[in-house]
Amino acid sequence: MKDRLKATQDIAAANAEQMRLNQKSSGLLVLDLKVERDGIVDSTHENEHARTEAAVEDNIRKIDRLERELSALDEELEATMKKEG
């Protein structure tokens, strides 16, 4: 049960990080519109956009991995309960 609680907490933290990254990505999209409107070339902004998108993808993979681990723990817990029940 302790492992399941830890996995649940890890998923919650990763989901919070995903929300933060999504907000940052949305803010960068707004800046993209401003840059496009103003005709400004800003490689720093482009680099930040690329880093943020990479972080989003990495975090999605992390969430998927954590959810698979939680699922495996749930299956293990269910099998144990059936043996004892």
Protein backbone atom coordinates (compact mmCIF):
# COMPACT_ATOMS: atom_id res chain seq x y z
CA MET A 1 0.00 0.00 0.00
CA LYS A 2 2.91 2.37 0.70
CA ASP A 3 4.17 1.82 -2.85
CA ARG A 4 0.71 2.61 -4.23
CA LEU A 5 0.48 5.81 -2.19
CA LYS A 6 3.93 6.88 -3.42
CA ALA A 7 3.00 6.13 -7.03
CA THR A 8 -0.21 8.16 -6.64
CA GLN A 9 1.73 11.08 -5.17
CA ASP A 10 4.28 10.88 -8.00
CA ILE A 11 1.48 10.96 -10.58
CA ALA A 12 -0.11 13.96 -8.86
CA ALA A 13 3.22 15.81 -8.89
CA ALA A 14 3.81 14.97 -12.56
CA ASN A 15 0.28 16.14 -13.43
CA ALA A 16 0.91 19.42 -11.59
CA GLU A 17 4.14 19.82 -13.56
CA GLN A 18 2.23 19.10 -16.77
CA MET A 19 -0.24 21.87 -15.95
CA ARG A 20 2.63 24.27 -15.33
CA LEU A 21 4.31 23.32 -18.59
CA ASN A 22 1.02 23.66 -20.50
CA GLN A 23 0.56 27.14 -19.05
CA LYS A 24 4.09 28.08 -20.03
CA SER A 25 3.57 26.68 -23.52
CA SER A 26 0.35 28.68 -23.87
CA GLY A 27 2.15 31.83 -22.79
CA LEU A 28 4.83 31.20 -25.37
CA LEU A 29 2.16 30.81 -28.04
CA VAL A 30 0.82 34.25 -27.10
CA LEU A 31 4.35 35.61 -27.42
CA ASP A 32 4.60 33.91 -30.82
CA LEU A 33 1.59 35.90 -31.97
CA LYS A 34 3.13 39.13 -30.68
CA VAL A 35 6.48 38.38 -32.32
CA GLU A 36 4.71 37.53 -35.58
CA ARG A 37 2.65 40.72 -35.40
CA ASP A 38 5.67 42.88 -34.61
CA GLY A 39 7.97 41.13 -37.10
CA ILE A 40 10.65 40.56 -34.49
CA VAL A 41 13.10 37.67 -34.77
CA ASP A 42 13.94 36.35 -31.31
CA SER A 43 16.01 33.17 -31.24
CA THR A 44 15.97 33.14 -27.42
CA HIS A 45 12.20 32.87 -27.52
CA GLU A 46 12.38 30.10 -30.13
CA ASN A 47 14.89 28.19 -28.01
CA GLU A 48 12.65 28.49 -24.93
CA HIS A 49 9.71 27.25 -26.96
CA ALA A 50 11.70 24.19 -28.07
CA ARG A 51 12.87 23.47 -24.51
CA THR A 52 9.33 23.76 -23.18
CA GLU A 53 7.91 21.46 -25.85
CA ALA A 54 10.63 18.89 -25.08
CA ALA A 55 9.82 19.14 -21.37
CA VAL A 56 6.12 18.62 -22.12
CA GLU A 57 6.88 15.47 -24.12
CA ASP A 58 9.26 14.14 -21.45
CA ASN A 59 6.68 14.73 -18.74
CA ILE A 60 3.96 12.98 -20.76
CA ARG A 61 6.22 9.95 -21.01
CA LYS A 62 6.87 10.16 -17.26
CA ILE A 63 3.14 10.24 -16.49
CA ASP A 64 2.54 7.27 -18.78
CA ARG A 65 5.32 5.31 -17.06
CA LEU A 66 4.00 6.17 -13.59
CA GLU A 67 0.47 5.17 -14.55
CA ARG A 68 1.73 1.82 -15.84
CA GLU A 69 3.58 1.30 -12.56
CA LEU A 70 0.42 2.13 -10.61
CA SER A 71 -1.58 -0.27 -12.73
CA ALA A 72 0.95 -3.03 -12.06
CA LEU A 73 0.77 -2.31 -8.33
CA ASP A 74 -3.02 -2.46 -8.45
CA GLU A 75 -2.89 -5.81 -10.24
CA GLU A 76 -0.44 -7.11 -7.65
CA LEU A 77 -2.65 -5.85 -4.82
CA GLU A 78 -5.73 -7.45 -6.39
CA ALA A 79 -3.95 -10.79 -6.78
CA THR A 80 -2.82 -10.66 -3.16
CA MET A 81 -6.35 -9.86 -1.97
CA LYS A 82 -7.75 -12.81 -3.96
CA LYS A 83 -5.21 -15.17 -2.39
CA GLU A 84 -6.03 -13.97 1.11
CA GLY A 85 -9.78 -13.59 0.53
